[in-house]
Amino acid sequence: MKNRPIGVFDSGLGGLTVVKQIKKFLPHEDVVYLGDTARVPYGTRSKETIIKFSFEDANFLLKKNAKCIVIACNTASALAGKELEKELKTPVFDVISPTLKYARSVAKNNKIGVIGTRGTIGSGAYTVDFATPCPLFVPFIEEGNVDSEALKIIVKKYLSYFDGKNIDILILGCTHYPIIQNIIQKEIGKNVKLIDPGMAVAEELKYSLTKNGLLNGQKRSGKINYFVTDLTDRFTKVAEMFLGEKIKGRINKVSVD
């Protein structure tokens, strides 16, 4: 059981920021990653559709012998997380619970903000003081347009919501957002601490696997198998941007529905 891989899924490639953190915190673990790139984004879908997609994604990972499932998507965590936890026998980790826990532990004035997709923000899963949707971030990131002036203008417009609210914590409530955290940090100001959900869930995962005796016992670098439901050269380039390493030729196209 302990030598089986960790299963991770996201609506697209943003979940690779979670994989990057898992590699950092759990270097000996094998990982199976599924990016549902044919149906991205989930943030604009109905709850029923997101639950359906999430079960299909999770079942694909279980067929790959995953010992646990990490929902590396805030929208799926918010709208399908409890359903997966209830129905699946395999342990399920969402990205919202550990992120909230960590944010509250480091907040100084207890004024916490969160940005995310419309689905995530609309769900109310992030029980914080201030929340606003940023629906255009994901398309820009998925297209690899992370240095454009247009994106900077959009960041400025969205983050103006927090003007005068005196937050000291901003949760990046979408696993895509760490890719543009430098732009977000510059706009929100250096006095606001940004929280990366990938880091929070990786810490929670390490704690749980250790506690339950499920850490991989092999002292070697873990292997990662990448699967997507649609594959183009652009996806490969964006995936490499997320991970910070070359993975061309290592991504496999599959069907999950």
Protein backbone atom coordinates (compact mmCIF):
# COMPACT_ATOMS: atom_id res chain seq x y z
CA MET A 1 0.00 0.00 0.00
CA LYS A 2 2.70 2.53 1.01
CA ASN A 3 4.56 2.15 -2.30
CA ARG A 4 1.50 2.97 -4.39
CA PRO A 5 1.39 6.44 -6.01
CA ILE A 6 -0.36 9.59 -4.84
CA GLY A 7 -3.16 10.48 -7.25
CA VAL A 8 -3.63 14.17 -8.10
CA PHE A 9 -6.23 15.72 -10.40
CA ASP A 10 -7.15 19.20 -11.57
CA SER A 11 -9.39 20.72 -14.19
CA GLY A 12 -6.31 21.71 -16.17
CA LEU A 13 -2.64 22.23 -15.49
CA GLY A 14 -2.83 24.45 -12.41
CA GLY A 15 -2.66 21.39 -10.18
CA LEU A 16 0.95 21.00 -11.27
CA THR A 17 1.76 23.72 -8.72
CA VAL A 18 0.49 21.23 -6.12
CA VAL A 19 2.58 18.45 -7.64
CA LYS A 20 5.62 20.72 -7.42
CA GLN A 21 5.02 21.17 -3.68
CA ILE A 22 4.39 17.44 -3.15
CA LYS A 23 7.76 16.74 -4.81
CA LYS A 24 9.35 19.21 -2.40
CA PHE A 25 7.74 17.85 0.79
CA LEU A 26 7.57 14.17 -0.22
CA PRO A 27 10.49 13.56 -2.62
CA HIS A 28 10.31 9.75 -2.45
CA GLU A 29 6.62 9.50 -3.40
CA ASP A 30 5.42 8.44 -6.85
CA VAL A 31 2.68 10.65 -8.28
CA VAL A 32 0.03 10.11 -10.96
CA TYR A 33 -1.30 13.41 -12.27
CA LEU A 34 -4.43 13.94 -14.34
CA GLY A 35 -5.22 17.29 -15.92
CA ASP A 36 -8.70 17.44 -17.45
CA THR A 37 -7.51 19.84 -20.13
CA ALA A 38 -10.32 18.93 -22.55
CA ARG A 39 -12.91 20.33 -20.14
CA VAL A 40 -11.04 23.21 -18.45
CA PRO A 41 -12.12 25.45 -16.75
CA TYR A 42 -14.35 23.92 -14.08
CA GLY A 43 -14.98 27.32 -12.49
CA THR A 44 -17.75 28.20 -14.95
CA ARG A 45 -19.59 24.84 -14.68
CA SER A 46 -22.63 23.82 -12.62
CA LYS A 47 -22.17 21.95 -9.35
CA GLU A 48 -23.68 18.78 -10.84
CA THR A 49 -21.25 18.84 -13.77
CA ILE A 50 -18.24 19.44 -11.51
CA ILE A 51 -19.24 16.50 -9.28
CA LYS A 52 -19.60 14.27 -12.36
CA PHE A 53 -16.22 15.31 -13.76
CA SER A 54 -14.53 14.92 -10.36
CA PHE A 55 -15.74 11.34 -9.93
CA GLU A 56 -14.52 10.50 -13.44
CA ASP A 57 -11.12 12.03 -12.65
CA ALA A 58 -10.84 10.24 -9.30
CA ASN A 59 -11.86 6.89 -10.76
CA PHE A 60 -9.17 7.22 -13.42
CA LEU A 61 -6.56 7.71 -10.69
CA LEU A 62 -7.90 4.78 -8.68
CA LYS A 63 -7.48 2.59 -11.76
CA LYS A 64 -3.84 3.69 -11.66
CA ASN A 65 -3.65 2.21 -8.15
CA ALA A 66 -3.53 5.54 -6.27
CA LYS A 67 -3.28 5.17 -2.47
CA CYS A 68 -4.96 8.54 -1.95
CA ILE A 69 -6.60 11.26 -4.02
CA VAL A 70 -5.58 14.93 -3.95
CA ILE A 71 -8.13 17.31 -5.45
CA ALA A 72 -5.72 19.93 -6.79
CA CYS A 73 -8.56 22.19 -7.86
CA ASN A 74 -10.28 24.66 -5.58
CA THR A 75 -13.55 24.56 -7.52
CA ALA A 76 -13.72 20.75 -7.38
CA SER A 77 -12.65 20.81 -3.72
CA ALA A 78 -15.45 23.24 -2.89
CA LEU A 79 -18.24 21.62 -4.87
CA ALA A 80 -17.30 17.92 -5.04
CA GLY A 81 -14.85 17.32 -2.18
CA LYS A 82 -17.39 16.14 0.39
CA GLU A 83 -19.08 13.90 -2.21
CA LEU A 84 -15.79 12.18 -3.04
CA GLU A 85 -14.87 11.78 0.65
CA LYS A 86 -18.25 10.19 1.32
CA GLU A 87 -18.31 7.79 -1.64
CA LEU A 88 -14.68 6.74 -2.04
CA LYS A 89 -12.94 4.30 0.28
CA THR A 90 -9.57 5.82 -0.60
CA PRO A 91 -8.44 8.86 1.47
CA VAL A 92 -9.31 12.16 -0.22
CA PHE A 93 -7.48 15.47 0.35
CA ASP A 94 -8.93 18.77 -0.80
CA VAL A 95 -6.93 22.00 -1.10
CA ILE A 96 -9.30 24.27 0.82
CA SER A 97 -9.30 22.82 4.36
CA PRO A 98 -5.50 22.81 4.88
CA THR A 99 -5.16 26.21 3.23
CA LEU A 100 -7.72 27.80 5.56
CA LYS A 101 -6.10 26.15 8.56
CA TYR A 102 -2.68 27.49 7.64
CA ALA A 103 -3.95 30.98 6.78
CA ARG A 104 -5.64 31.32 10.17
CA SER A 105 -2.49 30.17 11.96
CA VAL A 106 -0.35 32.94 10.43
CA ALA A 107 -2.88 35.79 10.22
CA LYS A 108 -1.98 38.76 12.42
CA ASN A 109 -5.16 40.84 12.40
CA ASN A 110 -7.45 37.97 11.32
CA LYS A 111 -8.48 39.83 8.18
CA ILE A 112 -8.10 37.24 5.44
CA GLY A 113 -8.90 37.66 1.76
CA VAL A 114 -9.24 35.08 -0.98
CA ILE A 115 -9.33 35.18 -4.78
CA GLY A 116 -10.51 32.33 -6.97
CA THR A 117 -12.82 31.25 -9.79
CA ARG A 118 -16.51 32.13 -9.74
CA GLY A 119 -17.32 28.54 -8.75
CA THR A 120 -14.96 28.55 -5.78
CA ILE A 121 -15.94 32.00 -4.48
CA GLY A 122 -19.64 31.40 -5.09
CA SER A 123 -19.55 28.14 -3.12
CA GLY A 124 -18.67 29.96 0.11
CA ALA A 125 -16.20 27.18 0.95
CA TYR A 126 -13.57 29.73 1.93
CA THR A 127 -15.07 31.14 5.13
CA VAL A 128 -13.02 34.34 5.26
CA ASP A 129 -13.72 38.05 5.63
CA PHE A 130 -13.26 39.11 2.02
CA ALA A 131 -13.54 37.13 -1.22
CA THR A 132 -13.70 38.10 -4.86
CA PRO A 133 -13.70 36.08 -8.11
CA CYS A 134 -10.97 36.55 -10.72
CA PRO A 135 -12.37 34.53 -13.66
CA LEU A 136 -9.95 35.77 -16.32
CA PHE A 137 -6.76 34.65 -14.56
CA VAL A 138 -7.05 30.98 -15.56
CA PRO A 139 -7.48 31.57 -19.33
CA PHE A 140 -4.48 33.92 -19.36
CA ILE A 141 -2.34 31.41 -17.44
CA GLU A 142 -3.46 28.39 -19.49
CA GLU A 143 -2.54 30.33 -22.64
CA GLY A 144 0.88 31.12 -21.18
CA ASN A 145 0.21 34.88 -21.27
CA VAL A 146 1.63 35.54 -17.82
CA ASP A 147 3.73 38.62 -18.61
CA SER A 148 1.25 40.56 -20.72
CA GLU A 149 0.23 44.13 -19.96
CA ALA A 150 -3.40 43.06 -20.38
CA LEU A 151 -3.07 40.62 -17.48
CA LYS A 152 -1.47 43.28 -15.28
CA ILE A 153 -4.42 45.60 -15.96
CA ILE A 154 -6.86 42.81 -15.06
CA VAL A 155 -4.95 42.00 -11.85
CA LYS A 156 -5.13 45.66 -10.85
CA LYS A 157 -8.87 45.80 -11.52
CA TYR A 158 -9.68 42.60 -9.58
CA LEU A 159 -7.47 43.39 -6.59
CA SER A 160 -8.93 46.89 -6.22
CA TYR A 161 -11.71 45.04 -4.37
CA PHE A 162 -9.37 44.83 -1.37
CA ASP A 163 -8.62 48.56 -1.25
CA GLY A 164 -9.17 49.83 2.29
CA LYS A 165 -10.00 46.40 3.69
CA ASN A 166 -6.68 46.10 5.55
CA ILE A 167 -6.15 42.38 4.90
CA ASP A 168 -2.82 40.85 5.92
CA ILE A 169 -3.38 37.45 4.27
CA LEU A 170 -4.47 36.73 0.68
CA ILE A 171 -5.23 33.13 -0.20
CA LEU A 172 -4.54 32.23 -3.82
CA GLY A 173 -7.76 30.22 -4.04
CA CYS A 174 -6.93 28.59 -7.35
CA THR A 175 -3.92 26.37 -7.99
CA HIS A 176 -3.17 28.32 -11.17
CA TYR A 177 -2.58 31.57 -9.33
CA PRO A 178 0.89 30.84 -7.85
CA ILE A 179 2.18 31.14 -11.43
CA ILE A 180 1.38 34.87 -11.36
CA GLN A 181 2.02 35.46 -7.66
CA ASN A 182 4.75 38.00 -8.38
CA ILE A 183 2.27 40.19 -10.27
CA ILE A 184 -0.34 39.71 -7.54
CA GLN A 185 2.19 40.47 -4.78
CA LYS A 186 3.34 43.66 -6.48
CA GLU A 187 -0.24 44.87 -6.83
CA ILE A 188 -1.53 43.88 -3.38
CA GLY A 189 1.56 45.15 -1.56
CA LYS A 190 4.44 43.60 0.35
CA ASN A 191 2.60 43.77 3.69
CA VAL A 192 0.08 41.16 2.56
CA LYS A 193 1.24 37.52 2.81
CA LEU A 194 0.19 35.28 -0.09
CA ILE A 195 -0.83 31.71 0.72
CA ASP A 196 -0.11 28.99 -1.87
CA PRO A 197 -2.67 26.15 -1.47
CA GLY A 198 -0.17 23.66 -2.91
CA MET A 199 2.17 24.17 0.02
CA ALA A 200 -0.64 23.78 2.55
CA VAL A 201 -2.02 20.55 1.08
CA ALA A 202 1.49 19.07 0.66
CA GLU A 203 2.15 19.63 4.37
CA GLU A 204 -1.21 18.08 5.29
CA LEU A 205 -0.52 15.12 3.00
CA LYS A 206 2.91 14.51 4.54
CA TYR A 207 1.45 14.62 8.05
CA SER A 208 -1.37 12.19 7.20
CA LEU A 209 0.77 9.68 5.30
CA THR A 210 3.33 9.69 8.11
CA LYS A 211 0.67 9.26 10.79
CA ASN A 212 -0.95 6.34 8.96
CA GLY A 213 2.28 4.57 7.98
CA LEU A 214 1.75 5.18 4.27
CA LEU A 215 4.98 6.98 3.35
CA ASN A 216 6.85 5.39 0.47
CA GLY A 217 9.60 3.26 2.02
CA GLN A 218 11.89 3.36 -1.01
CA LYS A 219 14.76 5.86 -0.69
CA ARG A 220 14.77 7.11 -4.25
CA SER A 221 13.39 10.05 -6.17
CA GLY A 222 9.70 9.59 -6.83
CA LYS A 223 8.43 9.12 -10.37
CA ILE A 224 5.64 11.23 -11.86
CA ASN A 225 3.30 10.05 -14.59
CA TYR A 226 1.42 12.84 -16.38
CA PHE A 227 -1.95 12.36 -18.07
CA VAL A 228 -4.21 14.91 -19.76
CA THR A 229 -7.53 14.63 -21.57
CA ASP A 230 -6.35 16.90 -24.40
CA LEU A 231 -2.77 17.43 -25.52
CA THR A 232 -1.18 20.16 -27.61
CA ASP A 233 2.32 21.64 -27.80
CA ARG A 234 0.95 24.67 -25.96
CA PHE A 235 -0.16 22.50 -23.04
CA THR A 236 3.32 21.01 -22.82
CA LYS A 237 4.93 24.46 -22.69
CA VAL A 238 2.50 25.66 -20.03
CA ALA A 239 3.01 22.46 -18.00
CA GLU A 240 6.77 23.05 -18.04
CA MET A 241 6.17 26.61 -16.87
CA PHE A 242 4.13 25.30 -13.93
CA LEU A 243 6.69 22.69 -12.92
CA GLY A 244 9.86 24.56 -13.75
CA GLU A 245 11.31 21.59 -15.65
CA LYS A 246 11.15 19.89 -19.04
CA ILE A 247 8.52 17.17 -19.45
CA LYS A 248 8.10 17.04 -23.23
CA GLY A 249 7.36 13.49 -24.31
CA ARG A 250 6.27 12.48 -20.80
CA ILE A 251 2.61 13.55 -21.02
CA ASN A 252 0.03 10.98 -22.14
CA LYS A 253 -3.40 11.75 -23.58
CA VAL A 254 -6.29 9.72 -22.13
CA SER A 255 -10.08 9.65 -21.94
CA VAL A 256 -11.84 9.62 -18.56
CA ASP A 257 -15.56 9.97 -19.45
